[in-house]
PDB file of all heavy atoms in Angstrom:
ATOM      1  N   TYR A   1      34.647  14.901 126.777  1.00  0.00           N
ATOM      2  CA  TYR A   1      34.596  15.862 127.869  1.00  0.00           C
ATOM      3  C   TYR A   1      34.784  15.125 129.238  1.00  0.00           C
ATOM      4  O   TYR A   1      34.695  13.929 129.286  1.00  0.00           O
ATOM      5  CB  TYR A   1      33.258  16.635 127.875  1.00  0.00           C
ATOM      6  CG  TYR A   1      33.120  17.386 126.599  1.00  0.00           C
ATOM      7  CD1 TYR A   1      32.052  17.103 125.822  1.00  0.00           C
ATOM      8  CD2 TYR A   1      33.958  18.365 126.309  1.00  0.00           C
ATOM      9  CE1 TYR A   1      31.772  17.882 124.620  1.00  0.00           C
ATOM     10  CE2 TYR A   1      33.810  19.093 125.039  1.00  0.00           C
ATOM     11  CZ  TYR A   1      32.667  18.829 124.313  1.00  0.00           C
ATOM     12  OH  TYR A   1      32.538  19.539 123.119  1.00  0.00           O
ATOM     13  N   ALA A   2      35.004  15.845 130.222  1.00  0.00           N
ATOM     14  CA  ALA A   2      35.186  15.264 131.557  1.00  0.00           C
ATOM     15  C   ALA A   2      34.084  15.515 132.494  1.00  0.00           C
ATOM     16  O   ALA A   2      33.623  16.602 132.707  1.00  0.00           O
ATOM     17  CB  ALA A   2      36.457  15.887 132.223  1.00  0.00           C
ATOM     18  N   ALA A   3      33.588  14.413 133.083  1.00  0.00           N
ATOM     19  CA  ALA A   3      32.598  14.554 134.224  1.00  0.00           C
ATOM     20  C   ALA A   3      33.360  14.372 135.581  1.00  0.00           C
ATOM     21  O   ALA A   3      34.027  13.434 135.618  1.00  0.00           O
ATOM     22  CB  ALA A   3      31.451  13.515 133.886  1.00  0.00           C
ATOM     23  N   MET A   4      32.972  15.166 136.426  1.00  0.00           N
ATOM     24  CA  MET A   4      33.613  15.076 137.826  1.00  0.00           C
ATOM     25  C   MET A   4      32.712  15.526 138.842  1.00  0.00           C
ATOM     26  O   MET A   4      31.675  16.190 138.626  1.00  0.00           O
ATOM     27  CB  MET A   4      34.816  15.948 137.829  1.00  0.00           C
ATOM     28  CG  MET A   4      34.552  17.395 137.850  1.00  0.00           C
ATOM     29  SD  MET A   4      35.858  18.448 137.455  1.00  0.00           S
ATOM     30  CE  MET A   4      35.797  18.482 135.657  1.00  0.00           C
ATOM     31  N   ARG A   5      32.999  15.002 140.041  1.00  0.00           N
ATOM     32  CA  ARG A   5      32.139  15.378 141.167  1.00  0.00           C
ATOM     33  C   ARG A   5      32.870  16.506 141.932  1.00  0.00           C
ATOM     34  O   ARG A   5      34.020  16.403 142.212  1.00  0.00           O
ATOM     35  CB  ARG A   5      32.066  14.137 142.068  1.00  0.00           C
ATOM     36  CG  ARG A   5      30.863  14.340 143.113  1.00  0.00           C
ATOM     37  CD  ARG A   5      30.188  13.126 143.507  1.00  0.00           C
ATOM     38  NE  ARG A   5      29.367  12.518 142.503  1.00  0.00           N
ATOM     39  CZ  ARG A   5      28.052  12.830 142.199  1.00  0.00           C
ATOM     40  NH1 ARG A   5      27.603  13.935 142.630  1.00  0.00           N
ATOM     41  NH2 ARG A   5      27.356  12.134 141.332  1.00  0.00           N
ATOM     42  N   MET A   6      32.089  17.560 142.200  1.00  0.00           N
ATOM     43  CA  MET A   6      32.636  18.753 142.874  1.00  0.00           C
ATOM     44  C   MET A   6      31.953  18.605 144.335  1.00  0.00           C
ATOM     45  O   MET A   6      30.801  18.619 144.462  1.00  0.00           O
ATOM     46  CB  MET A   6      32.276  20.045 142.260  1.00  0.00           C
ATOM     47  CG  MET A   6      32.849  20.310 140.903  1.00  0.00           C
ATOM     48  SD  MET A   6      34.627  20.366 140.885  1.00  0.00           S
ATOM     49  CE  MET A   6      34.879  21.859 141.658  1.00  0.00           C
ATOM     50  N   THR A   7      32.844  18.309 145.231  1.00  0.00           N
ATOM     51  CA  THR A   7      32.446  18.043 146.734  1.00  0.00           C
ATOM     52  C   THR A   7      32.856  19.153 147.567  1.00  0.00           C
ATOM     53  O   THR A   7      34.024  19.406 147.639  1.00  0.00           O
ATOM     54  CB  THR A   7      32.884  16.683 147.072  1.00  0.00           C
ATOM     55  OG1 THR A   7      32.598  15.713 146.158  1.00  0.00           O
ATOM     56  CG2 THR A   7      32.402  16.293 148.489  1.00  0.00           C
ATOM     57  N   CYS A   8      31.930  19.647 148.316  1.00  0.00           N
ATOM     58  CA  CYS A   8      32.221  20.690 149.339  1.00  0.00           C
ATOM     59  C   CYS A   8      32.611  20.062 150.541  1.00  0.00           C
ATOM     60  O   CYS A   8      32.394  18.842 150.835  1.00  0.00           O
ATOM     61  CB  CYS A   8      30.805  21.473 149.631  1.00  0.00           C
ATOM     62  SG  CYS A   8      30.182  22.411 148.253  1.00  0.00           S
ATOM     63  N   PRO A   9      33.399  20.811 151.436  1.00  0.00           N
ATOM     64  CA  PRO A   9      33.867  20.252 152.749  1.00  0.00           C
ATOM     65  C   PRO A   9      32.623  19.913 153.562  1.00  0.00           C
ATOM     66  O   PRO A   9      31.456  20.306 153.409  1.00  0.00           O
ATOM     67  CB  PRO A   9      34.659  21.449 153.364  1.00  0.00           C
ATOM     68  CG  PRO A   9      34.985  22.346 152.205  1.00  0.00           C
ATOM     69  CD  PRO A   9      33.841  22.177 151.238  1.00  0.00           C
ATOM     70  N   LYS A  10      32.997  19.085 154.618  1.00  0.00           N
ATOM     71  CA  LYS A  10      31.905  18.712 155.527  1.00  0.00           C
ATOM     72  C   LYS A  10      31.201  19.895 156.151  1.00  0.00           C
ATOM     73  O   LYS A  10      31.776  20.871 156.413  1.00  0.00           O
ATOM     74  CB  LYS A  10      32.489  17.794 156.677  1.00  0.00           C
ATOM     75  CG  LYS A  10      32.775  16.405 156.225  1.00  0.00           C
ATOM     76  CD  LYS A  10      33.326  15.561 157.410  1.00  0.00           C
ATOM     77  CE  LYS A  10      33.621  14.183 156.818  1.00  0.00           C
ATOM     78  NZ  LYS A  10      34.083  13.390 157.909  1.00  0.00           N
ATOM     79  N   ALA A  11      29.817  19.721 156.270  1.00  0.00           N
ATOM     80  CA  ALA A  11      29.025  20.791 156.845  1.00  0.00           C
ATOM     81  C   ALA A  11      28.838  21.944 155.919  1.00  0.00           C
ATOM     82  O   ALA A  11      28.230  22.993 156.289  1.00  0.00           O
ATOM     83  CB  ALA A  11      29.490  21.262 158.183  1.00  0.00           C
ATOM     84  N   LYS A  12      29.254  21.880 154.702  1.00  0.00           N
ATOM     85  CA  LYS A  12      28.994  22.967 153.672  1.00  0.00           C
ATOM     86  C   LYS A  12      28.178  22.357 152.523  1.00  0.00           C
ATOM     87  O   LYS A  12      28.235  21.102 152.268  1.00  0.00           O
ATOM     88  CB  LYS A  12      30.259  23.432 153.031  1.00  0.00           C
ATOM     89  CG  LYS A  12      31.330  23.920 154.071  1.00  0.00           C
ATOM     90  CD  LYS A  12      30.966  25.288 154.573  1.00  0.00           C
ATOM     91  CE  LYS A  12      32.091  25.885 155.479  1.00  0.00           C
ATOM     92  NZ  LYS A  12      31.667  26.895 156.265  1.00  0.00           N
ATOM     93  N   THR A  13      27.399  23.203 151.761  1.00  0.00           N
ATOM     94  CA  THR A  13      26.674  22.701 150.635  1.00  0.00           C
ATOM     95  C   THR A  13      26.898  23.606 149.400  1.00  0.00           C
ATOM     96  O   THR A  13      27.348  24.773 149.620  1.00  0.00           O
ATOM     97  CB  THR A  13      25.146  22.699 150.956  1.00  0.00           C
ATOM     98  OG1 THR A  13      24.765  24.007 151.352  1.00  0.00           O
ATOM     99  CG2 THR A  13      24.762  21.686 152.042  1.00  0.00           C
ATOM    100  N   TRP A  14      26.699  23.025 148.266  1.00  0.00           N
ATOM    101  CA  TRP A  14      26.954  23.723 147.020  1.00  0.00           C
ATOM    102  C   TRP A  14      26.014  24.984 146.892  1.00  0.00           C
ATOM    103  O   TRP A  14      24.764  24.907 147.202  1.00  0.00           O
ATOM    104  CB  TRP A  14      26.583  22.713 145.860  1.00  0.00           C
ATOM    105  CG  TRP A  14      26.506  23.262 144.549  1.00  0.00           C
ATOM    106  CD1 TRP A  14      25.376  23.932 143.940  1.00  0.00           C
ATOM    107  CD2 TRP A  14      27.488  23.250 143.450  1.00  0.00           C
ATOM    108  NE1 TRP A  14      25.637  24.244 142.778  1.00  0.00           N
ATOM    109  CE2 TRP A  14      26.878  23.907 142.385  1.00  0.00           C
ATOM    110  CE3 TRP A  14      28.760  22.807 143.479  1.00  0.00           C
ATOM    111  CZ2 TRP A  14      27.577  24.058 141.194  1.00  0.00           C
ATOM    112  CZ3 TRP A  14      29.529  22.944 142.267  1.00  0.00           C
ATOM    113  CH2 TRP A  14      28.919  23.550 141.161  1.00  0.00           C
ATOM    114  N   ARG A  15      26.607  26.025 146.462  1.00  0.00           N
ATOM    115  CA  ARG A  15      25.819  27.330 146.284  1.00  0.00           C
ATOM    116  C   ARG A  15      25.676  27.604 144.668  1.00  0.00           C
ATOM    117  O   ARG A  15      24.522  27.946 144.216  1.00  0.00           O
ATOM    118  CB  ARG A  15      26.284  28.406 147.052  1.00  0.00           C
ATOM    119  CG  ARG A  15      26.282  28.309 148.506  1.00  0.00           C
ATOM    120  CD  ARG A  15      24.937  27.979 149.046  1.00  0.00           C
ATOM    121  NE  ARG A  15      24.916  27.542 150.434  1.00  0.00           N
ATOM    122  CZ  ARG A  15      23.989  27.760 151.224  1.00  0.00           C
ATOM    123  NH1 ARG A  15      22.921  28.282 150.961  1.00  0.00           N
ATOM    124  NH2 ARG A  15      24.065  27.221 152.415  1.00  0.00           N
ATOM    125  N   THR A  16      26.801  27.640 144.057  1.00  0.00           N
ATOM    126  CA  THR A  16      26.911  27.815 142.662  1.00  0.00           C
ATOM    127  C   THR A  16      28.239  27.417 142.132  1.00  0.00           C
ATOM    128  O   THR A  16      29.121  27.056 142.915  1.00  0.00           O
ATOM    129  CB  THR A  16      26.629  29.285 142.324  1.00  0.00           C
ATOM    130  OG1 THR A  16      26.539  29.567 141.012  1.00  0.00           O
ATOM    131  CG2 THR A  16      27.711  30.194 142.823  1.00  0.00           C
ATOM    132  N   GLY A  17      28.467  27.522 140.770  1.00  0.00           N
ATOM    133  CA  GLY A  17      29.648  27.080 140.271  1.00  0.00           C
ATOM    134  C   GLY A  17      30.120  28.065 139.197  1.00  0.00           C
ATOM    135  O   GLY A  17      29.294  28.979 138.750  1.00  0.00           O
ATOM    136  N   ALA A  18      31.394  27.954 138.756  1.00  0.00           N
ATOM    137  CA  ALA A  18      31.888  28.833 137.810  1.00  0.00           C
ATOM    138  C   ALA A  18      33.135  28.124 137.136  1.00  0.00           C
ATOM    139  O   ALA A  18      33.534  26.997 137.515  1.00  0.00           O
ATOM    140  CB  ALA A  18      32.365  30.138 138.330  1.00  0.00           C
ATOM    141  N   SER A  19      33.712  28.774 136.028  1.00  0.00           N
ATOM    142  CA  SER A  19      34.819  28.083 135.456  1.00  0.00           C
ATOM    143  C   SER A  19      35.729  29.323 134.930  1.00  0.00           C
ATOM    144  O   SER A  19      35.318  30.440 134.865  1.00  0.00           O
ATOM    145  CB  SER A  19      34.471  27.205 134.251  1.00  0.00           C
ATOM    146  OG  SER A  19      33.788  27.946 133.228  1.00  0.00           O
ATOM    147  N   GLY A  20      36.994  28.979 134.710  1.00  0.00           N
ATOM    148  CA  GLY A  20      37.992  29.904 134.200  1.00  0.00           C
ATOM    149  C   GLY A  20      38.876  29.330 133.224  1.00  0.00           C
ATOM    150  O   GLY A  20      38.980  28.090 133.075  1.00  0.00           O
ATOM    151  N   GLY A  21      39.539  30.130 132.516  1.00  0.00           N
ATOM    152  CA  GLY A  21      40.463  29.712 131.384  1.00  0.00           C
ATOM    153  C   GLY A  21      39.621  29.281 130.201  1.00  0.00           C
ATOM    154  O   GLY A  21      38.586  29.792 129.905  1.00  0.00           O
ATOM    155  N   ALA A  22      40.107  28.335 129.510  1.00  0.00           N
ATOM    156  CA  ALA A  22      39.447  27.863 128.169  1.00  0.00           C
ATOM    157  C   ALA A  22      38.622  26.640 128.444  1.00  0.00           C
ATOM    158  O   ALA A  22      38.312  25.908 127.543  1.00  0.00           O
ATOM    159  CB  ALA A  22      40.448  27.560 127.209  1.00  0.00           C
ATOM    160  N   ILE A  23      38.110  26.402 129.756  1.00  0.00           N
ATOM    161  CA  ILE A  23      37.316  25.289 130.094  1.00  0.00           C
ATOM    162  C   ILE A  23      35.926  25.957 130.539  1.00  0.00           C
ATOM    163  O   ILE A  23      35.883  26.920 131.363  1.00  0.00           O
ATOM    164  CB  ILE A  23      37.898  24.535 131.172  1.00  0.00           C
ATOM    165  CG1 ILE A  23      39.206  23.887 130.874  1.00  0.00           C
ATOM    166  CG2 ILE A  23      36.956  23.494 131.768  1.00  0.00           C
ATOM    167  CD1 ILE A  23      39.029  22.844 129.776  1.00  0.00           C
ATOM    168  N   GLY A  24      34.925  25.327 130.031  1.00  0.00           N
ATOM    169  CA  GLY A  24      33.459  25.738 130.460  1.00  0.00           C
ATOM    170  C   GLY A  24      32.986  24.587 131.392  1.00  0.00           C
ATOM    171  O   GLY A  24      33.546  23.524 131.422  1.00  0.00           O
ATOM    172  N   ALA A  25      31.967  24.861 132.163  1.00  0.00           N
ATOM    173  CA  ALA A  25      31.349  23.892 132.991  1.00  0.00           C
ATOM    174  C   ALA A  25      29.890  23.995 133.054  1.00  0.00           C
ATOM    175  O   ALA A  25      29.341  24.998 132.902  1.00  0.00           O
ATOM    176  CB  ALA A  25      31.936  24.038 134.407  1.00  0.00           C
ATOM    177  N   SER A  26      29.261  22.835 133.147  1.00  0.00           N
ATOM    178  CA  SER A  26      27.888  22.672 133.273  1.00  0.00           C
ATOM    179  C   SER A  26      27.522  21.664 134.390  1.00  0.00           C
ATOM    180  O   SER A  26      28.082  20.661 134.477  1.00  0.00           O
ATOM    181  CB  SER A  26      27.119  22.466 131.977  1.00  0.00           C
ATOM    182  OG  SER A  26      27.633  21.209 131.414  1.00  0.00           O
ATOM    183  N   VAL A  27      26.463  21.962 135.106  1.00  0.00           N
ATOM    184  CA  VAL A  27      25.964  21.090 136.227  1.00  0.00           C
ATOM    185  C   VAL A  27      25.118  19.975 135.600  1.00  0.00           C
ATOM    186  O   VAL A  27      24.151  20.188 134.720  1.00  0.00           O
ATOM    187  CB  VAL A  27      25.184  21.909 137.259  1.00  0.00           C
ATOM    188  CG1 VAL A  27      24.686  20.919 138.346  1.00  0.00           C
ATOM    189  CG2 VAL A  27      26.024  22.901 137.914  1.00  0.00           C
ATOM    190  N   LEU A  28      25.322  18.829 135.812  1.00  0.00           N
ATOM    191  CA  LEU A  28      24.587  17.666 135.321  1.00  0.00           C
ATOM    192  C   LEU A  28      23.505  17.131 136.364  1.00  0.00           C
ATOM    193  O   LEU A  28      22.559  16.529 135.830  1.00  0.00           O
ATOM    194  CB  LEU A  28      25.519  16.386 135.110  1.00  0.00           C
ATOM    195  CG  LEU A  28      26.660  16.710 134.038  1.00  0.00           C
ATOM    196  CD1 LEU A  28      27.492  15.422 133.929  1.00  0.00           C
ATOM    197  CD2 LEU A  28      26.029  17.044 132.691  1.00  0.00           C
ATOM    198  N   ASP A  29      23.575  17.496 137.545  1.00  0.00           N
ATOM    199  CA  ASP A  29      22.555  17.140 138.537  1.00  0.00           C
ATOM    200  C   ASP A  29      21.381  17.973 138.335  1.00  0.00           C
ATOM    201  O   ASP A  29      21.448  19.215 137.983  1.00  0.00           O
ATOM    202  CB  ASP A  29      23.051  17.263 140.004  1.00  0.00           C
ATOM    203  CG  ASP A  29      24.000  16.187 140.444  1.00  0.00           C
ATOM    204  OD1 ASP A  29      23.946  15.179 139.794  1.00  0.00           O
ATOM    205  OD2 ASP A  29      24.737  16.406 141.394  1.00  0.00           O
ATOM    206  N   ARG A  30      20.148  17.369 138.461  1.00  0.00           N
ATOM    207  CA  ARG A  30      18.880  18.125 138.262  1.00  0.00           C
ATOM    208  C   ARG A  30      18.586  19.070 139.363  1.00  0.00           C
ATOM    209  O   ARG A  30      18.139  20.199 139.225  1.00  0.00           O
ATOM    210  CB  ARG A  30      17.668  17.254 138.053  1.00  0.00           C
ATOM    211  CG  ARG A  30      17.788  16.571 136.685  1.00  0.00           C
ATOM    212  CD  ARG A  30      16.540  15.745 136.456  1.00  0.00           C
ATOM    213  NE  ARG A  30      16.659  15.224 135.058  1.00  0.00           N
ATOM    214  CZ  ARG A  30      15.685  14.567 134.558  1.00  0.00           C
ATOM    215  NH1 ARG A  30      14.517  14.424 135.215  1.00  0.00           N
ATOM    216  NH2 ARG A  30      15.789  14.166 133.281  1.00  0.00           N
ATOM    217  N   ASN A  31      18.800  18.749 140.615  1.00  0.00           N
ATOM    218  CA  ASN A  31      18.450  19.437 141.766  1.00  0.00           C
ATOM    219  C   ASN A  31      19.718  19.501 142.722  1.00  0.00           C
ATOM    220  O   ASN A  31      20.229  18.470 143.132  1.00  0.00           O
ATOM    221  CB  ASN A  31      17.351  18.849 142.561  1.00  0.00           C
ATOM    222  CG  ASN A  31      16.925  19.695 143.741  1.00  0.00           C
ATOM    223  OD1 ASN A  31      17.413  20.883 143.945  1.00  0.00           O
ATOM    224  ND2 ASN A  31      15.981  19.166 144.551  1.00  0.00           N
ATOM    225  N   VAL A  32      20.364  20.773 142.873  1.00  0.00           N
ATOM    226  CA  VAL A  32      21.559  20.904 143.635  1.00  0.00           C
ATOM    227  C   VAL A  32      21.299  21.501 144.987  1.00  0.00           C
ATOM    228  O   VAL A  32      22.173  21.520 145.758  1.00  0.00           O
ATOM    229  CB  VAL A  32      22.624  21.737 142.856  1.00  0.00           C
ATOM    230  CG1 VAL A  32      23.021  20.988 141.544  1.00  0.00           C
ATOM    231  CG2 VAL A  32      22.107  23.052 142.513  1.00  0.00           C
ATOM    232  N   ARG A  33      20.074  21.901 145.233  1.00  0.00           N
ATOM    233  CA  ARG A  33      19.844  22.483 146.540  1.00  0.00           C
ATOM    234  C   ARG A  33      20.080  21.657 147.680  1.00  0.00           C
ATOM    235  O   ARG A  33      19.582  20.524 147.745  1.00  0.00           O
ATOM    236  CB  ARG A  33      18.348  23.008 146.546  1.00  0.00           C
ATOM    237  CG  ARG A  33      17.956  23.665 147.832  1.00  0.00           C
ATOM    238  CD  ARG A  33      16.648  24.371 147.651  1.00  0.00           C
ATOM    239  NE  ARG A  33      17.004  25.587 146.988  1.00  0.00           N
ATOM    240  CZ  ARG A  33      16.377  26.723 147.193  1.00  0.00           C
ATOM    241  NH1 ARG A  33      15.404  26.740 147.925  1.00  0.00           N
ATOM    242  NH2 ARG A  33      16.770  27.778 146.599  1.00  0.00           N
ATOM    243  N   GLY A  34      20.914  22.111 148.584  1.00  0.00           N
ATOM    244  CA  GLY A  34      21.156  21.440 149.752  1.00  0.00           C
ATOM    245  C   GLY A  34      22.131  20.230 149.616  1.00  0.00           C
ATOM    246  O   GLY A  34      22.330  19.518 150.558  1.00  0.00           O
ATOM    247  N   LYS A  35      22.727  20.071 148.448  1.00  0.00           N
ATOM    248  CA  LYS A  35      23.669  19.042 148.264  1.00  0.00           C
ATOM    249  C   LYS A  35      25.070  19.374 148.575  1.00  0.00           C
ATOM    250  O   LYS A  35      25.488  20.440 148.298  1.00  0.00           O
ATOM    251  CB  LYS A  35      23.639  18.483 146.737  1.00  0.00           C
ATOM    252  CG  LYS A  35      22.410  17.703 146.415  1.00  0.00           C
ATOM    253  CD  LYS A  35      22.504  17.036 145.074  1.00  0.00           C
ATOM    254  CE  LYS A  35      21.272  16.206 144.809  1.00  0.00           C
ATOM    255  NZ  LYS A  35      21.405  15.532 143.620  1.00  0.00           N
ATOM    256  N   ARG A  36      25.787  18.392 149.069  1.00  0.00           N
ATOM    257  CA  ARG A  36      27.268  18.643 149.371  1.00  0.00           C
ATOM    258  C   ARG A  36      28.135  18.334 148.130  1.00  0.00           C
ATOM    259  O   ARG A  36      29.157  18.822 147.927  1.00  0.00           O
ATOM    260  CB  ARG A  36      27.644  17.746 150.583  1.00  0.00           C
ATOM    261  CG  ARG A  36      29.045  17.909 150.957  1.00  0.00           C
ATOM    262  CD  ARG A  36      29.414  17.132 152.196  1.00  0.00           C
ATOM    263  NE  ARG A  36      30.861  17.067 152.289  1.00  0.00           N
ATOM    264  CZ  ARG A  36      31.580  15.990 152.425  1.00  0.00           C
ATOM    265  NH1 ARG A  36      30.991  14.883 152.513  1.00  0.00           N
ATOM    266  NH2 ARG A  36      32.924  16.045 152.488  1.00  0.00           N
ATOM    267  N   SER A  37      27.683  17.406 147.265  1.00  0.00           N
ATOM    268  CA  SER A  37      28.423  16.920 146.199  1.00  0.00           C
ATOM    269  C   SER A  37      27.534  17.034 144.899  1.00  0.00           C
ATOM    270  O   SER A  37      26.372  16.609 144.875  1.00  0.00           O
ATOM    271  CB  SER A  37      28.813  15.506 146.435  1.00  0.00           C
ATOM    272  OG  SER A  37      29.522  15.032 145.375  1.00  0.00           O
ATOM    273  N   VAL A  38      28.137  17.578 143.829  1.00  0.00           N
ATOM    274  CA  VAL A  38      27.380  17.860 142.666  1.00  0.00           C
ATOM    275  C   VAL A  38      28.148  17.347 141.455  1.00  0.00           C
ATOM    276  O   VAL A  38      29.376  17.607 141.318  1.00  0.00           O
ATOM    277  CB  VAL A  38      27.127  19.394 142.391  1.00  0.00           C
ATOM    278  CG1 VAL A  38      26.467  19.715 141.125  1.00  0.00           C
ATOM    279  CG2 VAL A  38      26.173  19.907 143.635  1.00  0.00           C
ATOM    280  N   LEU A  39      27.501  16.781 140.445  1.00  0.00           N
ATOM    281  CA  LEU A  39      28.177  16.248 139.295  1.00  0.00           C
ATOM    282  C   LEU A  39      28.188  17.261 138.212  1.00  0.00           C
ATOM    283  O   LEU A  39      27.326  17.960 137.975  1.00  0.00           O
ATOM    284  CB  LEU A  39      27.442  15.092 138.685  1.00  0.00           C
ATOM    285  CG  LEU A  39      28.111  14.306 137.576  1.00  0.00           C
ATOM    286  CD1 LEU A  39      29.492  13.745 137.929  1.00  0.00           C
ATOM    287  CD2 LEU A  39      27.195  13.180 137.011  1.00  0.00           C
ATOM    288  N   VAL A  40      29.480  17.600 137.776  1.00  0.00           N
ATOM    289  CA  VAL A  40      29.719  18.741 136.771  1.00  0.00           C
ATOM    290  C   VAL A  40      30.370  18.106 135.562  1.00  0.00           C
ATOM    291  O   VAL A  40      31.290  17.264 135.678  1.00  0.00           O
ATOM    292  CB  VAL A  40      30.632  19.739 137.520  1.00  0.00           C
ATOM    293  CG1 VAL A  40      30.964  20.873 136.455  1.00  0.00           C
ATOM    294  CG2 VAL A  40      29.888  20.425 138.700  1.00  0.00           C
ATOM    295  N   MET A  41      30.186  18.681 134.372  1.00  0.00           N
ATOM    296  CA  MET A  41      30.873  18.287 133.162  1.00  0.00           C
ATOM    297  C   MET A  41      31.701  19.488 132.691  1.00  0.00           C
ATOM    298  O   MET A  41      31.296  20.585 132.616  1.00  0.00           O
ATOM    299  CB  MET A  41      29.903  17.957 132.054  1.00  0.00           C
ATOM    300  CG  MET A  41      30.639  17.554 130.814  1.00  0.00           C
ATOM    301  SD  MET A  41      29.615  16.842 129.542  1.00  0.00           S
ATOM    302  CE  MET A  41      28.483  18.062 129.208  1.00  0.00           C
ATOM    303  N   ALA A  42      33.006  19.211 132.536  1.00  0.00           N
ATOM    304  CA  ALA A  42      33.928  20.265 131.983  1.00  0.00           C
ATOM    305  C   ALA A  42      34.022  20.023 130.449  1.00  0.00           C
ATOM    306  O   ALA A  42      34.234  19.021 130.034  1.00  0.00           O
ATOM    307  CB  ALA A  42      35.304  20.031 132.671  1.00  0.00           C
ATOM    308  N   THR A  43      33.876  21.128 129.751  1.00  0.00           N
ATOM    309  CA  THR A  43      33.849  21.164 128.319  1.00  0.00           C
ATOM    310  C   THR A  43      34.920  22.209 127.810  1.00  0.00           C
ATOM    311  O   THR A  43      35.387  22.942 128.655  1.00  0.00           O
ATOM    312  CB  THR A  43      32.517  21.484 127.728  1.00  0.00           C
ATOM    313  OG1 THR A  43      32.229  22.852 128.240  1.00  0.00           O
ATOM    314  CG2 THR A  43      31.494  20.561 128.154  1.00  0.00           C
ATOM    315  N   VAL A  44      35.270  22.130 126.575  1.00  0.00           N
ATOM    316  CA  VAL A  44      36.125  23.234 126.015  1.00  0.00           C
ATOM    317  C   VAL A  44      35.250  24.535 125.690  1.00  0.00           C
ATOM    318  O   VAL A  44      34.212  24.374 125.168  1.00  0.00           O
ATOM    319  CB  VAL A  44      36.791  22.746 124.789  1.00  0.00           C
ATOM    320  CG1 VAL A  44      37.796  21.631 125.089  1.00  0.00           C
ATOM    321  CG2 VAL A  44      35.880  22.314 123.692  1.00  0.00           C
ATOM    322  N   ALA A  45      35.844  25.610 126.006  1.00  0.00           N
ATOM    323  CA  ALA A  45      35.024  26.834 125.697  1.00  0.00           C
ATOM    324  C   ALA A  45      35.614  27.398 124.406  1.00  0.00           C
ATOM    325  O   ALA A  45      36.725  27.807 124.298  1.00  0.00           O
ATOM    326  CB  ALA A  45      35.347  27.872 126.871  1.00  0.00           C
TER     327      ALA A  45
END
């Protein structure tokens, strides 16, 4: 699977995530509140 960093533009923070197509996604960071950059793992759906 692929682990990647999803980074919001400057002055923006992560609110939630989603996926589309045949790819699923899960957040690997324990606490995402107030973070600009979050580690996400893409898996096959």
